[in-house]
Full PDB file with SEQRES, HELIX, SHEET, SSBOND, CRYST1, ORIGX, SCALE, CONECT and MASTER records, all heavy atoms in Angstrom:
SEQRES   1 A   41  LYS THR MET LEU GLU ASN SER ASN VAL LYS ILE THR ILE          
SEQRES   2 A   41  ASP CYS ASP SER ILE ILE LEU SER PHE ASN MET PHE ILE          
SEQRES   3 A   41  GLU ASP LEU LYS ILE CYS SER ILE LYS SER GLU ASN ARG          
SEQRES   4 A   41  TRP GLY                                                      
HELIX    1 AA1 MET A    3  GLU A    5  5                                   3    
SHEET    1 AA1 3 VAL A   9  CYS A  15  0                                        
SHEET    2 AA1 3 ILE A  19  ILE A  26 -1                                        
SHEET    3 AA1 3 LEU A  29  GLU A  37 -1                                        
CRYST1    1.000    1.000    1.000  90.00  90.00  90.00 P 1           1          
ORIGX1      1.000000  0.000000  0.000000        0.00000                         
ORIGX2      0.000000  1.000000  0.000000        0.00000                         
ORIGX3      0.000000  0.000000  1.000000        0.00000                         
SCALE1      1.000000  0.000000  0.000000        0.00000                         
SCALE2      0.000000  1.000000  0.000000        0.00000                         
SCALE3      0.000000  0.000000  1.000000        0.00000                         
ATOM      1  N   LYS A   1       0.836  -1.199   0.000  1.00  0.00           N  
ATOM      2  CA  LYS A   1       0.000   0.000   0.000  1.00  0.00           C  
ATOM      3  C   LYS A   1       0.872   1.251   0.000  1.00  0.00           C  
ATOM      4  O   LYS A   1       0.517   2.255  -0.615  1.00  0.00           O  
ATOM      5  CB  LYS A   1      -0.939  -0.013   1.206  1.00  0.00           C  
ATOM      6  CG  LYS A   1      -2.007  -1.090   1.106  1.00  0.00           C  
ATOM      7  CD  LYS A   1      -2.926  -1.071   2.303  1.00  0.00           C  
ATOM      8  CE  LYS A   1      -4.023  -2.111   2.125  1.00  0.00           C  
ATOM      9  NZ  LYS A   1      -4.998  -2.051   3.225  1.00  0.00           N  
ATOM     10  N   THR A   2       2.015   1.187   0.635  1.00  0.00           N  
ATOM     11  CA  THR A   2       2.944   2.322   0.651  1.00  0.00           C  
ATOM     12  C   THR A   2       3.382   2.676  -0.775  1.00  0.00           C  
ATOM     13  O   THR A   2       3.435   3.851  -1.143  1.00  0.00           O  
ATOM     14  CB  THR A   2       4.182   1.996   1.515  1.00  0.00           C  
ATOM     15  OG1 THR A   2       3.737   1.666   2.827  1.00  0.00           O  
ATOM     16  CG2 THR A   2       5.139   3.166   1.569  1.00  0.00           C  
ATOM     17  N   MET A   3       3.669   1.672  -1.575  1.00  0.00           N  
ATOM     18  CA  MET A   3       4.067   1.904  -2.972  1.00  0.00           C  
ATOM     19  C   MET A   3       2.932   2.587  -3.742  1.00  0.00           C  
ATOM     20  O   MET A   3       3.170   3.486  -4.544  1.00  0.00           O  
ATOM     21  CB  MET A   3       4.446   0.574  -3.629  1.00  0.00           C  
ATOM     22  CG  MET A   3       4.875   0.698  -5.051  1.00  0.00           C  
ATOM     23  SD  MET A   3       6.570   1.249  -5.151  1.00  0.00           S  
ATOM     24  CE  MET A   3       6.961   0.761  -6.793  1.00  0.00           C  
ATOM     25  N   LEU A   4       1.688   2.179  -3.484  1.00  0.00           N  
ATOM     26  CA  LEU A   4       0.551   2.763  -4.191  1.00  0.00           C  
ATOM     27  C   LEU A   4       0.294   4.222  -3.813  1.00  0.00           C  
ATOM     28  O   LEU A   4      -0.383   4.940  -4.545  1.00  0.00           O  
ATOM     29  CB  LEU A   4      -0.711   1.926  -3.948  1.00  0.00           C  
ATOM     30  CG  LEU A   4      -0.743   0.609  -4.715  1.00  0.00           C  
ATOM     31  CD1 LEU A   4      -1.768  -0.342  -4.124  1.00  0.00           C  
ATOM     32  CD2 LEU A   4      -1.020   0.855  -6.186  1.00  0.00           C  
ATOM     33  N   GLU A   5       0.825   4.658  -2.695  1.00  0.00           N  
ATOM     34  CA  GLU A   5       0.673   6.046  -2.275  1.00  0.00           C  
ATOM     35  C   GLU A   5       1.609   6.984  -3.023  1.00  0.00           C  
ATOM     36  O   GLU A   5       1.474   8.193  -2.956  1.00  0.00           O  
ATOM     37  CB  GLU A   5       0.906   6.172  -0.769  1.00  0.00           C  
ATOM     38  CG  GLU A   5      -0.174   5.521   0.047  1.00  0.00           C  
ATOM     39  CD  GLU A   5       0.115   5.524   1.533  1.00  0.00           C  
ATOM     40  OE1 GLU A   5       1.288   5.739   1.924  1.00  0.00           O  
ATOM     41  OE2 GLU A   5      -0.823   5.301   2.298  1.00  0.00           O  
ATOM     42  N   ASN A   6       2.547   6.436  -3.787  1.00  0.00           N  
ATOM     43  CA  ASN A   6       3.500   7.233  -4.549  1.00  0.00           C  
ATOM     44  C   ASN A   6       2.766   8.081  -5.589  1.00  0.00           C  
ATOM     45  O   ASN A   6       1.855   7.598  -6.251  1.00  0.00           O  
ATOM     46  CB  ASN A   6       4.509   6.304  -5.223  1.00  0.00           C  
ATOM     47  CG  ASN A   6       5.674   7.038  -5.806  1.00  0.00           C  
ATOM     48  OD1 ASN A   6       5.510   7.896  -6.662  1.00  0.00           O  
ATOM     49  ND2 ASN A   6       6.859   6.698  -5.352  1.00  0.00           N  
ATOM     50  N   SER A   7       3.180   9.316  -5.743  1.00  0.00           N  
ATOM     51  CA  SER A   7       2.490  10.218  -6.671  1.00  0.00           C  
ATOM     52  C   SER A   7       3.045  10.178  -8.096  1.00  0.00           C  
ATOM     53  O   SER A   7       2.510  10.841  -8.982  1.00  0.00           O  
ATOM     54  CB  SER A   7       2.556  11.654  -6.139  1.00  0.00           C  
ATOM     55  OG  SER A   7       3.905  12.072  -6.065  1.00  0.00           O  
ATOM     56  N   ASN A   8       4.110   9.405  -8.342  1.00  0.00           N  
ATOM     57  CA  ASN A   8       4.703   9.309  -9.674  1.00  0.00           C  
ATOM     58  C   ASN A   8       4.094   8.112 -10.408  1.00  0.00           C  
ATOM     59  O   ASN A   8       4.613   7.004 -10.367  1.00  0.00           O  
ATOM     60  CB  ASN A   8       6.218   9.170  -9.573  1.00  0.00           C  
ATOM     61  CG  ASN A   8       6.901   9.187 -10.922  1.00  0.00           C  
ATOM     62  OD1 ASN A   8       6.257   9.298 -11.965  1.00  0.00           O  
ATOM     63  ND2 ASN A   8       8.206   9.062 -10.905  1.00  0.00           N  
ATOM     64  N   VAL A   9       2.960   8.354 -11.075  1.00  0.00           N  
ATOM     65  CA  VAL A   9       2.188   7.283 -11.722  1.00  0.00           C  
ATOM     66  C   VAL A   9       2.066   7.575 -13.215  1.00  0.00           C  
ATOM     67  O   VAL A   9       1.832   8.711 -13.622  1.00  0.00           O  
ATOM     68  CB  VAL A   9       0.772   7.175 -11.108  1.00  0.00           C  
ATOM     69  CG1 VAL A   9      -0.055   6.106 -11.806  1.00  0.00           C  
ATOM     70  CG2 VAL A   9       0.858   6.906  -9.619  1.00  0.00           C  
ATOM     71  N   LYS A  10       2.232   6.529 -14.008  1.00  0.00           N  
ATOM     72  CA  LYS A  10       2.026   6.612 -15.453  1.00  0.00           C  
ATOM     73  C   LYS A  10       1.159   5.431 -15.879  1.00  0.00           C  
ATOM     74  O   LYS A  10       1.350   4.310 -15.399  1.00  0.00           O  
ATOM     75  CB  LYS A  10       3.355   6.568 -16.204  1.00  0.00           C  
ATOM     76  CG  LYS A  10       4.251   7.758 -15.953  1.00  0.00           C  
ATOM     77  CD  LYS A  10       5.599   7.585 -16.618  1.00  0.00           C  
ATOM     78  CE  LYS A  10       6.500   8.764 -16.421  1.00  0.00           C  
ATOM     79  NZ  LYS A  10       6.920   9.021 -15.064  1.00  0.00           N  
ATOM     80  N   ILE A  11       0.226   5.688 -16.784  1.00  0.00           N  
ATOM     81  CA  ILE A  11      -0.625   4.635 -17.339  1.00  0.00           C  
ATOM     82  C   ILE A  11      -0.593   4.779 -18.847  1.00  0.00           C  
ATOM     83  O   ILE A  11      -0.803   5.871 -19.382  1.00  0.00           O  
ATOM     84  CB  ILE A  11      -2.081   4.760 -16.841  1.00  0.00           C  
ATOM     85  CG1 ILE A  11      -2.134   4.568 -15.326  1.00  0.00           C  
ATOM     86  CG2 ILE A  11      -2.981   3.766 -17.554  1.00  0.00           C  
ATOM     87  CD1 ILE A  11      -3.474   4.862 -14.705  1.00  0.00           C  
ATOM     88  N   THR A  12      -0.278   3.690 -19.546  1.00  0.00           N  
ATOM     89  CA  THR A  12      -0.336   3.712 -21.006  1.00  0.00           C  
ATOM     90  C   THR A  12      -1.532   2.895 -21.465  1.00  0.00           C  
ATOM     91  O   THR A  12      -1.837   1.853 -20.897  1.00  0.00           O  
ATOM     92  CB  THR A  12       0.949   3.148 -21.660  1.00  0.00           C  
ATOM     93  OG1 THR A  12       1.088   1.775 -21.320  1.00  0.00           O  
ATOM     94  CG2 THR A  12       2.168   3.921 -21.223  1.00  0.00           C  
ATOM     95  N   ILE A  13      -2.187   3.417 -22.483  1.00  0.00           N  
ATOM     96  CA  ILE A  13      -3.296   2.695 -23.116  1.00  0.00           C  
ATOM     97  C   ILE A  13      -3.031   2.714 -24.609  1.00  0.00           C  
ATOM     98  O   ILE A  13      -2.875   3.772 -25.217  1.00  0.00           O  
ATOM     99  CB  ILE A  13      -4.655   3.321 -22.787  1.00  0.00           C  
ATOM    100  CG1 ILE A  13      -4.904   3.254 -21.274  1.00  0.00           C  
ATOM    101  CG2 ILE A  13      -5.766   2.628 -23.563  1.00  0.00           C  
ATOM    102  CD1 ILE A  13      -6.173   3.902 -20.808  1.00  0.00           C  
ATOM    103  N   ASP A  14      -2.968   1.531 -25.180  1.00  0.00           N  
ATOM    104  CA  ASP A  14      -2.731   1.353 -26.609  1.00  0.00           C  
ATOM    105  C   ASP A  14      -3.826   0.412 -27.096  1.00  0.00           C  
ATOM    106  O   ASP A  14      -3.993  -0.680 -26.550  1.00  0.00           O  
ATOM    107  CB  ASP A  14      -1.343   0.752 -26.834  1.00  0.00           C  
ATOM    108  CG  ASP A  14      -0.965   0.671 -28.297  1.00  0.00           C  
ATOM    109  OD1 ASP A  14      -1.629   1.299 -29.134  1.00  0.00           O  
ATOM    110  OD2 ASP A  14       0.004  -0.045 -28.603  1.00  0.00           O  
ATOM    111  N   CYS A  15      -4.573   0.851 -28.092  1.00  0.00           N  
ATOM    112  CA  CYS A  15      -5.728   0.061 -28.501  1.00  0.00           C  
ATOM    113  C   CYS A  15      -5.888   0.120 -30.012  1.00  0.00           C  
ATOM    114  O   CYS A  15      -5.649   1.140 -30.637  1.00  0.00           O  
ATOM    115  CB  CYS A  15      -6.972   0.642 -27.818  1.00  0.00           C  
ATOM    116  SG  CYS A  15      -8.427  -0.390 -27.954  1.00  0.00           S  
ATOM    117  N   ASP A  16      -6.294  -1.003 -30.572  1.00  0.00           N  
ATOM    118  CA  ASP A  16      -6.720  -1.042 -31.969  1.00  0.00           C  
ATOM    119  C   ASP A  16      -8.076  -1.748 -31.988  1.00  0.00           C  
ATOM    120  O   ASP A  16      -8.678  -1.954 -30.940  1.00  0.00           O  
ATOM    121  CB  ASP A  16      -5.676  -1.708 -32.867  1.00  0.00           C  
ATOM    122  CG  ASP A  16      -5.370  -3.150 -32.503  1.00  0.00           C  
ATOM    123  OD1 ASP A  16      -6.230  -3.833 -31.898  1.00  0.00           O  
ATOM    124  OD2 ASP A  16      -4.265  -3.626 -32.836  1.00  0.00           O  
ATOM    125  N   SER A  17      -8.552  -2.125 -33.131  1.00  0.00           N  
ATOM    126  CA  SER A  17      -9.877  -2.742 -33.211  1.00  0.00           C  
ATOM    127  C   SER A  17      -9.927  -4.136 -32.583  1.00  0.00           C  
ATOM    128  O   SER A  17     -11.004  -4.660 -32.327  1.00  0.00           O  
ATOM    129  CB  SER A  17     -10.345  -2.810 -34.662  1.00  0.00           C  
ATOM    130  OG  SER A  17      -9.446  -3.615 -35.416  1.00  0.00           O  
ATOM    131  N   ILE A  18      -8.760  -4.719 -32.283  1.00  0.00           N  
ATOM    132  CA  ILE A  18      -8.724  -6.092 -31.768  1.00  0.00           C  
ATOM    133  C   ILE A  18      -8.259  -6.164 -30.316  1.00  0.00           C  
ATOM    134  O   ILE A  18      -8.871  -6.836 -29.493  1.00  0.00           O  
ATOM    135  CB  ILE A  18      -7.805  -6.969 -32.647  1.00  0.00           C  
ATOM    136  CG1 ILE A  18      -8.339  -6.986 -34.080  1.00  0.00           C  
ATOM    137  CG2 ILE A  18      -7.708  -8.381 -32.093  1.00  0.00           C  
ATOM    138  CD1 ILE A  18      -7.391  -7.573 -35.095  1.00  0.00           C  
ATOM    139  N   ILE A  19      -7.176  -5.483 -29.973  1.00  0.00           N  
ATOM    140  CA  ILE A  19      -6.528  -5.633 -28.663  1.00  0.00           C  
ATOM    141  C   ILE A  19      -6.420  -4.295 -27.932  1.00  0.00           C  
ATOM    142  O   ILE A  19      -6.071  -3.279 -28.534  1.00  0.00           O  
ATOM    143  CB  ILE A  19      -5.102  -6.220 -28.810  1.00  0.00           C  
ATOM    144  CG1 ILE A  19      -5.144  -7.597 -29.465  1.00  0.00           C  
ATOM    145  CG2 ILE A  19      -4.378  -6.288 -27.460  1.00  0.00           C  
ATOM    146  CD1 ILE A  19      -5.775  -8.687 -28.629  1.00  0.00           C  
ATOM    147  N   LEU A  20      -6.681  -4.312 -26.627  1.00  0.00           N  
ATOM    148  CA  LEU A  20      -6.434  -3.194 -25.744  1.00  0.00           C  
ATOM    149  C   LEU A  20      -5.259  -3.581 -24.851  1.00  0.00           C  
ATOM    150  O   LEU A  20      -5.274  -4.650 -24.242  1.00  0.00           O  
ATOM    151  CB  LEU A  20      -7.652  -2.888 -24.869  1.00  0.00           C  
ATOM    152  CG  LEU A  20      -7.401  -1.807 -23.822  1.00  0.00           C  
ATOM    153  CD1 LEU A  20      -8.395  -0.671 -23.995  1.00  0.00           C  
ATOM    154  CD2 LEU A  20      -7.484  -2.362 -22.429  1.00  0.00           C  
ATOM    155  N   SER A  21      -4.237  -2.726 -24.806  1.00  0.00           N  
ATOM    156  CA  SER A  21      -3.090  -2.929 -23.922  1.00  0.00           C  
ATOM    157  C   SER A  21      -3.111  -1.843 -22.862  1.00  0.00           C  
ATOM    158  O   SER A  21      -3.219  -0.658 -23.185  1.00  0.00           O  
ATOM    159  CB  SER A  21      -1.782  -2.848 -24.693  1.00  0.00           C  
ATOM    160  OG  SER A  21      -1.694  -3.893 -25.621  1.00  0.00           O  
ATOM    161  N   PHE A  22      -2.995  -2.256 -21.615  1.00  0.00           N  
ATOM    162  CA  PHE A  22      -3.008  -1.351 -20.465  1.00  0.00           C  
ATOM    163  C   PHE A  22      -1.767  -1.644 -19.643  1.00  0.00           C  
ATOM    164  O   PHE A  22      -1.517  -2.794 -19.280  1.00  0.00           O  
ATOM    165  CB  PHE A  22      -4.270  -1.613 -19.633  1.00  0.00           C  
ATOM    166  CG  PHE A  22      -4.328  -0.860 -18.335  1.00  0.00           C  
ATOM    167  CD1 PHE A  22      -4.970   0.354 -18.263  1.00  0.00           C  
ATOM    168  CD2 PHE A  22      -3.769  -1.393 -17.176  1.00  0.00           C  
ATOM    169  CE1 PHE A  22      -5.044   1.042 -17.054  1.00  0.00           C  
ATOM    170  CE2 PHE A  22      -3.831  -0.715 -15.971  1.00  0.00           C  
ATOM    171  CZ  PHE A  22      -4.471   0.506 -15.908  1.00  0.00           C  
ATOM    172  N   ASN A  23      -0.965  -0.625 -19.380  1.00  0.00           N  
ATOM    173  CA  ASN A  23       0.230  -0.765 -18.540  1.00  0.00           C  
ATOM    174  C   ASN A  23       0.216   0.333 -17.496  1.00  0.00           C  
ATOM    175  O   ASN A  23      -0.167   1.467 -17.787  1.00  0.00           O  
ATOM    176  CB  ASN A  23       1.506  -0.640 -19.373  1.00  0.00           C  
ATOM    177  CG  ASN A  23       1.633  -1.759 -20.368  1.00  0.00           C  
ATOM    178  OD1 ASN A  23       1.887  -2.890 -20.006  1.00  0.00           O  
ATOM    179  ND2 ASN A  23       1.440  -1.447 -21.650  1.00  0.00           N  
ATOM    180  N   MET A  24       0.654  -0.023 -16.290  1.00  0.00           N  
ATOM    181  CA  MET A  24       0.723   0.971 -15.222  1.00  0.00           C  
ATOM    182  C   MET A  24       2.099   0.919 -14.588  1.00  0.00           C  
ATOM    183  O   MET A  24       2.643  -0.164 -14.361  1.00  0.00           O  
ATOM    184  CB  MET A  24      -0.356   0.710 -14.176  1.00  0.00           C  
ATOM    185  CG  MET A  24      -0.449   1.763 -13.121  1.00  0.00           C  
ATOM    186  SD  MET A  24      -1.978   1.584 -12.192  1.00  0.00           S  
ATOM    187  CE  MET A  24      -1.569   2.558 -10.753  1.00  0.00           C  
ATOM    188  N   PHE A  25       2.657   2.112 -14.335  1.00  0.00           N  
ATOM    189  CA  PHE A  25       3.989   2.262 -13.778  1.00  0.00           C  
ATOM    190  C   PHE A  25       3.917   3.138 -12.535  1.00  0.00           C  
ATOM    191  O   PHE A  25       3.178   4.122 -12.510  1.00  0.00           O  
ATOM    192  CB  PHE A  25       4.926   2.954 -14.779  1.00  0.00           C  
ATOM    193  CG  PHE A  25       5.033   2.271 -16.104  1.00  0.00           C  
ATOM    194  CD1 PHE A  25       4.070   2.464 -17.089  1.00  0.00           C  
ATOM    195  CD2 PHE A  25       6.111   1.444 -16.385  1.00  0.00           C  
ATOM    196  CE1 PHE A  25       4.172   1.847 -18.323  1.00  0.00           C  
ATOM    197  CE2 PHE A  25       6.225   0.819 -17.614  1.00  0.00           C  
ATOM    198  CZ  PHE A  25       5.245   1.015 -18.583  1.00  0.00           C  
ATOM    199  N   ILE A  26       4.699   2.804 -11.521  1.00  0.00           N  
ATOM    200  CA  ILE A  26       4.929   3.680 -10.374  1.00  0.00           C  
ATOM    201  C   ILE A  26       6.437   3.855 -10.268  1.00  0.00           C  
ATOM    202  O   ILE A  26       7.172   2.865 -10.224  1.00  0.00           O  
ATOM    203  CB  ILE A  26       4.340   3.100  -9.074  1.00  0.00           C  
ATOM    204  CG1 ILE A  26       2.817   2.992  -9.188  1.00  0.00           C  
ATOM    205  CG2 ILE A  26       4.742   3.959  -7.874  1.00  0.00           C  
ATOM    206  CD1 ILE A  26       2.127   2.417  -7.970  1.00  0.00           C  
ATOM    207  N   GLU A  27       6.874   5.128 -10.263  1.00  0.00           N  
ATOM    208  CA  GLU A  27       8.313   5.424 -10.273  1.00  0.00           C  
ATOM    209  C   GLU A  27       9.012   4.700 -11.432  1.00  0.00           C  
ATOM    210  O   GLU A  27      10.094   4.147 -11.268  1.00  0.00           O  
ATOM    211  CB  GLU A  27       8.969   5.045  -8.942  1.00  0.00           C  
ATOM    212  CG  GLU A  27       8.598   5.925  -7.793  1.00  0.00           C  
ATOM    213  CD  GLU A  27       9.173   7.333  -7.884  1.00  0.00           C  
ATOM    214  OE1 GLU A  27      10.174   7.548  -8.583  1.00  0.00           O  
ATOM    215  OE2 GLU A  27       8.590   8.211  -7.249  1.00  0.00           O  
ATOM    216  N   ASP A  28       8.375   4.648 -12.582  1.00  0.00           N  
ATOM    217  CA  ASP A  28       8.880   4.007 -13.799  1.00  0.00           C  
ATOM    218  C   ASP A  28       9.062   2.491 -13.674  1.00  0.00           C  
ATOM    219  O   ASP A  28       9.651   1.861 -14.552  1.00  0.00           O  
ATOM    220  CB  ASP A  28      10.176   4.663 -14.283  1.00  0.00           C  
ATOM    221  CG  ASP A  28       9.954   6.105 -14.713  1.00  0.00           C  
ATOM    222  OD1 ASP A  28       8.832   6.421 -15.179  1.00  0.00           O  
ATOM    223  OD2 ASP A  28      10.876   6.919 -14.593  1.00  0.00           O  
ATOM    224  N   LEU A  29       8.542   1.904 -12.611  1.00  0.00           N  
ATOM    225  CA  LEU A  29       8.547   0.452 -12.440  1.00  0.00           C  
ATOM    226  C   LEU A  29       7.186  -0.080 -12.892  1.00  0.00           C  
ATOM    227  O   LEU A  29       6.146   0.344 -12.370  1.00  0.00           O  
ATOM    228  CB  LEU A  29       8.782   0.091 -10.966  1.00  0.00           C  
ATOM    229  CG  LEU A  29       8.631  -1.384 -10.605  1.00  0.00           C  
ATOM    230  CD1 LEU A  29       9.750  -2.211 -11.221  1.00  0.00           C  
ATOM    231  CD2 LEU A  29       8.616  -1.542  -9.080  1.00  0.00           C  
ATOM    232  N   LYS A  30       7.200  -0.964 -13.892  1.00  0.00           N  
ATOM    233  CA  LYS A  30       5.943  -1.506 -14.394  1.00  0.00           C  
ATOM    234  C   LYS A  30       5.332  -2.427 -13.335  1.00  0.00           C  
ATOM    235  O   LYS A  30       5.935  -3.405 -12.929  1.00  0.00           O  
ATOM    236  CB  LYS A  30       6.160  -2.294 -15.688  1.00  0.00           C  
ATOM    237  CG  LYS A  30       4.843  -2.733 -16.347  1.00  0.00           C  
ATOM    238  CD  LYS A  30       5.052  -3.578 -17.579  1.00  0.00           C  
ATOM    239  CE  LYS A  30       5.545  -2.760 -18.737  1.00  0.00           C  
ATOM    240  NZ  LYS A  30       5.575  -3.525 -19.995  1.00  0.00           N  
ATOM    241  N   ILE A  31       4.116  -2.071 -12.881  1.00  0.00           N  
ATOM    242  CA  ILE A  31       3.438  -2.888 -11.882  1.00  0.00           C  
ATOM    243  C   ILE A  31       2.273  -3.670 -12.466  1.00  0.00           C  
ATOM    244  O   ILE A  31       1.728  -4.552 -11.814  1.00  0.00           O  
ATOM    245  CB  ILE A  31       2.946  -2.038 -10.689  1.00  0.00           C  
ATOM    246  CG1 ILE A  31       1.894  -1.024 -11.129  1.00  0.00           C  
ATOM    247  CG2 ILE A  31       4.115  -1.378  -9.976  1.00  0.00           C  
ATOM    248  CD1 ILE A  31       1.113  -0.425  -9.978  1.00  0.00           C  
ATOM    249  N   CYS A  32       1.911  -3.354 -13.706  1.00  0.00           N  
ATOM    250  CA  CYS A  32       0.767  -4.024 -14.324  1.00  0.00           C  
ATOM    251  C   CYS A  32       0.903  -3.976 -15.839  1.00  0.00           C  
ATOM    252  O   CYS A  32       1.266  -2.949 -16.403  1.00  0.00           O  
ATOM    253  CB  CYS A  32      -0.519  -3.320 -13.895  1.00  0.00           C  
ATOM    254  SG  CYS A  32      -2.016  -3.972 -14.637  1.00  0.00           S  
ATOM    255  N   SER A  33       0.591  -5.088 -16.482  1.00  0.00           N  
ATOM    256  CA  SER A  33       0.556  -5.158 -17.938  1.00  0.00           C  
ATOM    257  C   SER A  33      -0.573  -6.102 -18.330  1.00  0.00           C  
ATOM    258  O   SER A  33      -0.539  -7.284 -18.005  1.00  0.00           O  
ATOM    259  CB  SER A  33       1.888  -5.663 -18.484  1.00  0.00           C  
ATOM    260  OG  SER A  33       1.865  -5.695 -19.885  1.00  0.00           O  
ATOM    261  N   ILE A  34      -1.571  -5.560 -19.006  1.00  0.00           N  
ATOM    262  CA  ILE A  34      -2.749  -6.344 -19.387  1.00  0.00           C  
ATOM    263  C   ILE A  34      -2.989  -6.188 -20.880  1.00  0.00           C  
ATOM    264  O   ILE A  34      -2.934  -5.080 -21.413  1.00  0.00           O  
ATOM    265  CB  ILE A  34      -4.004  -5.860 -18.629  1.00  0.00           C  
ATOM    266  CG1 ILE A  34      -3.833  -6.068 -17.136  1.00  0.00           C  
ATOM    267  CG2 ILE A  34      -5.254  -6.545 -19.137  1.00  0.00           C  
ATOM    268  CD1 ILE A  34      -4.878  -5.380 -16.305  1.00  0.00           C  
ATOM    269  N   LYS A  35      -3.255  -7.276 -21.523  1.00  0.00           N  
ATOM    270  CA  LYS A  35      -3.734  -7.259 -22.907  1.00  0.00           C  
ATOM    271  C   LYS A  35      -5.093  -7.941 -22.883  1.00  0.00           C  
ATOM    272  O   LYS A  35      -5.250  -9.014 -22.302  1.00  0.00           O  
ATOM    273  CB  LYS A  35      -2.795  -7.994 -23.839  1.00  0.00           C  
ATOM    274  CG  LYS A  35      -1.516  -7.231 -24.093  1.00  0.00           C  
ATOM    275  CD  LYS A  35      -0.749  -7.828 -25.251  1.00  0.00           C  
ATOM    276  CE  LYS A  35       0.580  -7.159 -25.408  1.00  0.00           C  
ATOM    277  NZ  LYS A  35       0.581  -6.016 -26.230  1.00  0.00           N  
ATOM    278  N   SER A  36      -6.055  -7.281 -23.497  1.00  0.00           N  
ATOM    279  CA  SER A  36      -7.423  -7.775 -23.469  1.00  0.00           C  
ATOM    280  C   SER A  36      -8.064  -7.580 -24.844  1.00  0.00           C  
ATOM    281  O   SER A  36      -7.698  -6.648 -25.565  1.00  0.00           O  
ATOM    282  CB  SER A  36      -8.216  -6.995 -22.412  1.00  0.00           C  
ATOM    283  OG  SER A  36      -9.547  -7.398 -22.362  1.00  0.00           O  
ATOM    284  N   GLU A  37      -8.989  -8.415 -25.162  1.00  0.00           N  
ATOM    285  CA  GLU A  37      -9.741  -8.233 -26.399  1.00  0.00           C  
ATOM    286  C   GLU A  37     -10.511  -6.924 -26.314  1.00  0.00           C  
ATOM    287  O   GLU A  37     -11.117  -6.612 -25.282  1.00  0.00           O  
ATOM    288  CB  GLU A  37     -10.711  -9.398 -26.589  1.00  0.00           C  
ATOM    289  CG  GLU A  37     -11.536  -9.303 -27.839  1.00  0.00           C  
ATOM    290  CD  GLU A  37     -12.543 -10.436 -27.963  1.00  0.00           C  
ATOM    291  OE1 GLU A  37     -12.540 -11.352 -27.126  1.00  0.00           O  
ATOM    292  OE2 GLU A  37     -13.343 -10.387 -28.903  1.00  0.00           O  
ATOM    293  N   ASN A  38     -10.482  -6.134 -27.374  1.00  0.00           N  
ATOM    294  CA  ASN A  38     -11.228  -4.867 -27.420  1.00  0.00           C  
ATOM    295  C   ASN A  38     -12.672  -5.174 -27.807  1.00  0.00           C  
ATOM    296  O   ASN A  38     -13.060  -5.048 -28.951  1.00  0.00           O  
ATOM    297  CB  ASN A  38     -10.589  -3.898 -28.418  1.00  0.00           C  
ATOM    298  CG  ASN A  38     -11.331  -2.573 -28.478  1.00  0.00           C  
ATOM    299  OD1 ASN A  38     -12.248  -2.322 -27.710  1.00  0.00           O  
ATOM    300  ND2 ASN A  38     -10.923  -1.728 -29.397  1.00  0.00           N  
ATOM    301  N   ARG A  39     -13.449  -5.567 -26.827  1.00  0.00           N  
ATOM    302  CA  ARG A  39     -14.861  -5.896 -27.078  1.00  0.00           C  
ATOM    303  C   ARG A  39     -15.782  -4.731 -26.729  1.00  0.00           C  
ATOM    304  O   ARG A  39     -16.987  -4.891 -26.646  1.00  0.00           O  
ATOM    305  CB  ARG A  39     -15.244  -7.157 -26.325  1.00  0.00           C  
ATOM    306  CG  ARG A  39     -14.996  -7.135 -24.863  1.00  0.00           C  
ATOM    307  CD  ARG A  39     -15.283  -8.505 -24.221  1.00  0.00           C  
ATOM    308  NE  ARG A  39     -15.110  -8.458 -22.809  1.00  0.00           N  
ATOM    309  CZ  ARG A  39     -13.963  -8.678 -22.163  1.00  0.00           C  
ATOM    310  NH1 ARG A  39     -12.892  -8.988 -22.838  1.00  0.00           N  
ATOM    311  NH2 ARG A  39     -13.900  -8.591 -20.861  1.00  0.00           N  
ATOM    312  N   TRP A  40     -15.183  -3.531 -26.523  1.00  0.00           N  
ATOM    313  CA  TRP A  40     -15.954  -2.366 -26.110  1.00  0.00           C  
ATOM    314  C   TRP A  40     -16.062  -1.307 -27.194  1.00  0.00           C  
ATOM    315  O   TRP A  40     -16.645  -0.253 -26.972  1.00  0.00           O  
ATOM    316  CB  TRP A  40     -15.321  -1.750 -24.849  1.00  0.00           C  
ATOM    317  CG  TRP A  40     -15.076  -2.783 -23.815  1.00  0.00           C  
ATOM    318  CD1 TRP A  40     -16.009  -3.377 -23.003  1.00  0.00           C  
ATOM    319  CD2 TRP A  40     -13.827  -3.384 -23.489  1.00  0.00           C  
ATOM    320  NE1 TRP A  40     -15.398  -4.298 -22.194  1.00  0.00           N  
ATOM    321  CE2 TRP A  40     -14.058  -4.325 -22.469  1.00  0.00           C  
ATOM    322  CE3 TRP A  40     -12.532  -3.209 -23.954  1.00  0.00           C  
ATOM    323  CZ2 TRP A  40     -13.044  -5.095 -21.912  1.00  0.00           C  
ATOM    324  CZ3 TRP A  40     -11.528  -3.978 -23.401  1.00  0.00           C  
ATOM    325  CH2 TRP A  40     -11.795  -4.900 -22.388  1.00  0.00           C  
ATOM    326  N   GLY A  41     -15.465  -1.523 -28.342  1.00  0.00           N  
ATOM    327  CA  GLY A  41     -15.528  -0.544 -29.426  1.00  0.00           C  
ATOM    328  C   GLY A  41     -14.658   0.676 -29.211  1.00  0.00           C  
ATOM    329  O   GLY A  41     -14.912   1.739 -29.774  1.00  0.00           O  
TER     330      GLY A  41                                                      
MASTER        0    0    0    1    3    0    0    6  329    1    0    4          
END                                                                             
């Protein structure tokens, strides 16, 4: 929880008609990387 309190946050979203990519960084450390089908248009 201490790490999540850090104010240096970056989120990337890259999407095309097929795939949505979501990445989240705290202090430039990647804490999350998700690829999902773009079923939301």
